[in-house]
Amino acid sequence: MADKRKNNGAKKGENRGAGRKPKSYEHEIRAAIEEAAGDGGLLSLWQSTFTEARKGSISHQNTIYAYYYGKPKEHIDLTTDGEQILAPQIILSANKP
């Protein structure tokens, strides 16, 4: 039976929407934020963030660290309760059924 979808509208070899958005998109977002903030808007935003961080707000402190130093690398533990995960054993026999 024929599929009738004919590649769902995609050309052969075309990846629609796959991958990271282009840097130009990030620049557009940044420009829109700066325009919305106006003169001194971003400066006052960061000043209020530092004020709250000095008061002890952990989330504000984390924001400052993330933007200034970068986020730390996340590690994934591939063990179960401290034990290594064992790969399944595959036994190939010479006898064919």
N, C-alpha and C. Protein backbone atom coordinates (compact mmCIF):
# COMPACT_ATOMS: atom_id res chain seq x y z
N MET A 1 0.85 -1.18 0.00
CA MET A 1 0.00 0.00 0.00
C MET A 1 0.89 1.24 0.00
N ALA A 2 0.57 2.21 -0.79
CA ALA A 2 1.37 3.42 -0.93
C ALA A 2 1.24 4.29 0.32
N ASP A 3 2.30 5.01 0.62
CA ASP A 3 2.35 5.84 1.83
C ASP A 3 1.53 7.11 1.67
N LYS A 4 1.50 7.74 0.52
CA LYS A 4 0.75 8.93 0.18
C LYS A 4 1.16 10.18 0.96
N ARG A 5 2.14 10.06 1.86
CA ARG A 5 2.57 11.26 2.60
C ARG A 5 3.67 11.99 1.85
N LYS A 6 4.35 11.33 0.96
CA LYS A 6 5.39 11.90 0.12
C LYS A 6 6.39 12.71 0.93
N ASN A 7 7.05 12.03 1.87
CA ASN A 7 8.09 12.61 2.72
C ASN A 7 7.57 13.71 3.65
N ASN A 8 6.30 13.78 3.88
CA ASN A 8 5.69 14.76 4.79
C ASN A 8 6.08 16.19 4.44
N GLY A 9 6.26 16.51 3.20
CA GLY A 9 6.58 17.86 2.80
C GLY A 9 8.06 18.21 2.89
N ALA A 10 8.88 17.33 3.39
CA ALA A 10 10.31 17.61 3.52
C ALA A 10 11.03 17.19 2.25
N LYS A 11 12.02 17.97 1.89
CA LYS A 11 12.86 17.59 0.77
C LYS A 11 13.83 16.53 1.25
N LYS A 12 14.33 15.73 0.35
CA LYS A 12 15.25 14.68 0.73
C LYS A 12 16.53 15.29 1.28
N GLY A 13 16.95 14.85 2.45
CA GLY A 13 18.16 15.36 3.07
C GLY A 13 17.98 16.63 3.88
N GLU A 14 16.77 17.14 3.96
CA GLU A 14 16.52 18.39 4.69
C GLU A 14 16.18 18.09 6.15
N ASN A 15 16.84 18.77 7.06
CA ASN A 15 16.53 18.64 8.48
C ASN A 15 15.76 19.88 8.92
N ARG A 16 14.48 19.76 9.03
CA ARG A 16 13.65 20.91 9.39
C ARG A 16 13.68 21.14 10.89
N GLY A 17 14.16 22.30 11.30
CA GLY A 17 14.12 22.68 12.70
C GLY A 17 15.11 21.94 13.58
N ALA A 18 16.02 21.20 13.00
CA ALA A 18 16.95 20.43 13.80
C ALA A 18 18.12 21.30 14.23
N GLY A 19 18.64 21.05 15.41
CA GLY A 19 19.86 21.72 15.86
C GLY A 19 19.60 23.01 16.60
N ARG A 20 20.68 23.69 16.89
CA ARG A 20 20.65 24.93 17.65
C ARG A 20 20.23 26.09 16.76
N LYS A 21 19.53 27.05 17.35
CA LYS A 21 19.14 28.23 16.60
C LYS A 21 20.38 29.04 16.28
N PRO A 22 20.38 29.78 15.18
CA PRO A 22 21.58 30.54 14.80
C PRO A 22 21.88 31.66 15.79
N LYS A 23 23.15 32.09 15.79
CA LYS A 23 23.59 33.17 16.69
C LYS A 23 22.81 34.45 16.42
N SER A 24 22.41 34.68 15.18
CA SER A 24 21.66 35.90 14.87
C SER A 24 20.37 35.97 15.69
N TYR A 25 19.76 34.82 15.95
CA TYR A 25 18.55 34.78 16.77
C TYR A 25 18.86 35.25 18.20
N GLU A 26 20.01 34.80 18.74
CA GLU A 26 20.39 35.21 20.09
C GLU A 26 20.67 36.71 20.13
N HIS A 27 21.29 37.25 19.07
CA HIS A 27 21.56 38.68 19.02
C HIS A 27 20.26 39.49 18.95
N GLU A 28 19.27 38.97 18.23
CA GLU A 28 17.97 39.65 18.16
C GLU A 28 17.30 39.68 19.54
N ILE A 29 17.38 38.58 20.27
CA ILE A 29 16.79 38.53 21.61
C ILE A 29 17.49 39.52 22.53
N ARG A 30 18.82 39.54 22.48
CA ARG A 30 19.60 40.45 23.32
C ARG A 30 19.25 41.91 23.00
N ALA A 31 19.13 42.24 21.72
CA ALA A 31 18.80 43.60 21.32
C ALA A 31 17.40 43.98 21.80
N ALA A 32 16.46 43.04 21.73
CA ALA A 32 15.10 43.32 22.20
C ALA A 32 15.07 43.57 23.71
N ILE A 33 15.86 42.80 24.45
CA ILE A 33 15.91 42.98 25.91
C ILE A 33 16.52 44.33 26.25
N GLU A 34 17.61 44.69 25.57
CA GLU A 34 18.26 45.98 25.83
C GLU A 34 17.34 47.14 25.49
N GLU A 35 16.57 47.01 24.40
CA GLU A 35 15.63 48.06 24.02
C GLU A 35 14.51 48.19 25.05
N ALA A 36 14.00 47.05 25.52
CA ALA A 36 12.92 47.08 26.50
C ALA A 36 13.39 47.64 27.84
N ALA A 37 14.66 47.38 28.20
CA ALA A 37 15.19 47.86 29.48
C ALA A 37 15.40 49.36 29.46
N GLY A 38 15.69 49.93 28.30
CA GLY A 38 15.91 51.37 28.20
C GLY A 38 17.26 51.77 28.76
N ASP A 39 17.47 53.08 28.87
CA ASP A 39 18.74 53.62 29.37
C ASP A 39 18.91 53.29 30.84
N GLY A 40 19.97 52.56 31.16
CA GLY A 40 20.26 52.23 32.55
C GLY A 40 19.40 51.12 33.12
N GLY A 41 18.54 50.53 32.31
CA GLY A 41 17.65 49.48 32.80
C GLY A 41 18.40 48.22 33.21
N LEU A 42 19.35 47.81 32.37
CA LEU A 42 20.11 46.61 32.69
C LEU A 42 21.04 46.85 33.88
N LEU A 43 21.58 48.06 33.96
CA LEU A 43 22.44 48.40 35.09
C LEU A 43 21.66 48.33 36.40
N SER A 44 20.45 48.89 36.41
CA SER A 44 19.65 48.85 37.63
C SER A 44 19.22 47.42 37.96
N LEU A 45 19.00 46.61 36.93
CA LEU A 45 18.64 45.20 37.15
C LEU A 45 19.77 44.47 37.85
N TRP A 46 21.02 44.65 37.37
CA TRP A 46 22.16 43.99 37.98
C TRP A 46 22.44 44.55 39.38
N GLN A 47 22.22 45.84 39.58
CA GLN A 47 22.41 46.42 40.91
C GLN A 47 21.44 45.82 41.91
N SER A 48 20.19 45.64 41.49
CA SER A 48 19.22 45.02 42.40
C SER A 48 19.54 43.55 42.64
N THR A 49 20.10 42.88 41.62
CA THR A 49 20.51 41.49 41.80
C THR A 49 21.62 41.39 42.83
N PHE A 50 22.62 42.29 42.74
CA PHE A 50 23.71 42.29 43.72
C PHE A 50 23.21 42.66 45.11
N THR A 51 22.26 43.58 45.19
CA THR A 51 21.69 43.96 46.50
C THR A 51 21.03 42.76 47.16
N GLU A 52 20.23 42.03 46.40
CA GLU A 52 19.55 40.84 46.95
C GLU A 52 20.55 39.75 47.30
N ALA A 53 21.61 39.61 46.50
CA ALA A 53 22.64 38.60 46.79
C ALA A 53 23.35 38.92 48.10
N ARG A 54 23.61 40.21 48.34
CA ARG A 54 24.26 40.61 49.59
C ARG A 54 23.36 40.36 50.80
N LYS A 55 22.05 40.38 50.58
CA LYS A 55 21.10 40.11 51.67
C LYS A 55 21.05 38.62 51.99
N GLY A 56 21.62 37.80 51.10
CA GLY A 56 21.67 36.36 51.37
C GLY A 56 20.82 35.52 50.45
N SER A 57 20.26 36.10 49.40
CA SER A 57 19.44 35.32 48.48
C SER A 57 20.32 34.38 47.65
N ILE A 58 20.14 33.10 47.86
CA ILE A 58 20.95 32.09 47.17
C ILE A 58 20.69 32.11 45.67
N SER A 59 19.44 32.30 45.25
CA SER A 59 19.14 32.28 43.82
C SER A 59 19.81 33.46 43.11
N HIS A 60 19.87 34.63 43.77
CA HIS A 60 20.54 35.77 43.17
C HIS A 60 22.06 35.54 43.12
N GLN A 61 22.60 34.91 44.16
CA GLN A 61 24.03 34.59 44.17
C GLN A 61 24.36 33.60 43.05
N ASN A 62 23.52 32.60 42.87
CA ASN A 62 23.74 31.62 41.81
C ASN A 62 23.69 32.27 40.43
N THR A 63 22.78 33.23 40.25
CA THR A 63 22.68 33.93 38.98
C THR A 63 23.96 34.70 38.69
N ILE A 64 24.48 35.39 39.68
CA ILE A 64 25.72 36.15 39.50
C ILE A 64 26.87 35.21 39.17
N TYR A 65 27.01 34.13 39.93
CA TYR A 65 28.10 33.17 39.67
C TYR A 65 27.98 32.57 38.27
N ALA A 66 26.75 32.23 37.86
CA ALA A 66 26.55 31.60 36.55
C ALA A 66 26.95 32.54 35.42
N TYR A 67 26.65 33.83 35.56
CA TYR A 67 26.98 34.77 34.49
C TYR A 67 28.43 35.22 34.56
N TYR A 68 29.01 35.30 35.74
CA TYR A 68 30.37 35.80 35.87
C TYR A 68 31.41 34.71 35.63
N TYR A 69 31.22 33.56 36.29
CA TYR A 69 32.20 32.47 36.20
C TYR A 69 31.79 31.38 35.22
N GLY A 70 30.52 31.28 34.90
CA GLY A 70 30.00 30.21 34.06
C GLY A 70 29.49 29.08 34.94
N LYS A 71 28.55 28.32 34.41
CA LYS A 71 27.98 27.22 35.19
C LYS A 71 29.01 26.11 35.34
N PRO A 72 29.04 25.47 36.51
CA PRO A 72 29.97 24.36 36.68
C PRO A 72 29.53 23.15 35.86
N LYS A 73 30.50 22.32 35.50
CA LYS A 73 30.21 21.11 34.74
C LYS A 73 29.41 20.15 35.61
N GLU A 74 28.36 19.60 35.03
CA GLU A 74 27.53 18.64 35.77
C GLU A 74 28.06 17.24 35.54
N HIS A 75 28.17 16.48 36.60
CA HIS A 75 28.65 15.11 36.52
C HIS A 75 27.48 14.16 36.74
N ILE A 76 27.45 13.09 35.96
CA ILE A 76 26.40 12.09 36.08
C ILE A 76 27.03 10.82 36.64
N ASP A 77 26.47 10.32 37.73
CA ASP A 77 26.98 9.10 38.36
C ASP A 77 26.34 7.90 37.68
N LEU A 78 27.15 7.09 37.05
CA LEU A 78 26.64 5.92 36.33
C LEU A 78 26.76 4.64 37.17
N THR A 79 26.59 4.78 38.44
CA THR A 79 26.64 3.62 39.31
C THR A 79 25.31 3.48 40.04
N THR A 80 25.12 2.32 40.61
CA THR A 80 23.93 2.09 41.42
C THR A 80 24.40 1.83 42.84
N ASP A 81 24.12 2.74 43.75
CA ASP A 81 24.52 2.64 45.15
C ASP A 81 26.03 2.39 45.29
N GLY A 82 26.80 3.05 44.47
CA GLY A 82 28.24 2.91 44.56
C GLY A 82 28.82 1.72 43.81
N GLU A 83 27.97 0.88 43.22
CA GLU A 83 28.45 -0.28 42.47
C GLU A 83 28.41 0.02 40.98
N GLN A 84 29.33 -0.56 40.24
CA GLN A 84 29.36 -0.36 38.80
C GLN A 84 28.21 -1.11 38.13
N ILE A 85 27.70 -0.54 37.05
CA ILE A 85 26.67 -1.21 36.26
C ILE A 85 27.37 -2.22 35.35
N LEU A 86 26.95 -3.44 35.42
CA LEU A 86 27.56 -4.50 34.61
C LEU A 86 26.83 -4.62 33.28
N ALA A 87 27.59 -4.73 32.22
CA ALA A 87 27.01 -4.92 30.90
C ALA A 87 26.49 -6.35 30.80
N PRO A 88 25.39 -6.56 30.08
CA PRO A 88 24.88 -7.92 29.93
C PRO A 88 25.84 -8.78 29.12
N GLN A 89 25.92 -10.03 29.48
CA GLN A 89 26.79 -10.95 28.77
C GLN A 89 26.02 -11.60 27.64
N ILE A 90 26.62 -11.59 26.46
CA ILE A 90 26.01 -12.22 25.29
C ILE A 90 26.84 -13.45 24.95
N ILE A 91 26.18 -14.59 24.98
CA ILE A 91 26.88 -15.85 24.73
C ILE A 91 26.48 -16.33 23.33
N LEU A 92 27.48 -16.47 22.49
CA LEU A 92 27.23 -16.97 21.14
C LEU A 92 27.64 -18.44 21.10
N SER A 93 26.76 -19.24 20.64
CA SER A 93 27.09 -20.67 20.58
C SER A 93 27.38 -21.06 19.13
N ALA A 94 28.18 -22.08 18.99
CA ALA A 94 28.55 -22.58 17.66
C ALA A 94 27.42 -23.41 17.07
N ASN A 95 26.54 -23.93 17.93
CA ASN A 95 25.43 -24.79 17.47
C ASN A 95 24.27 -23.92 17.01
N LYS A 96 23.85 -24.11 15.78
CA LYS A 96 22.71 -23.36 15.25
C LYS A 96 21.47 -24.24 15.36
N PRO A 97 20.40 -23.70 15.82
CA PRO A 97 19.18 -24.53 15.94
C PRO A 97 18.56 -24.89 14.61
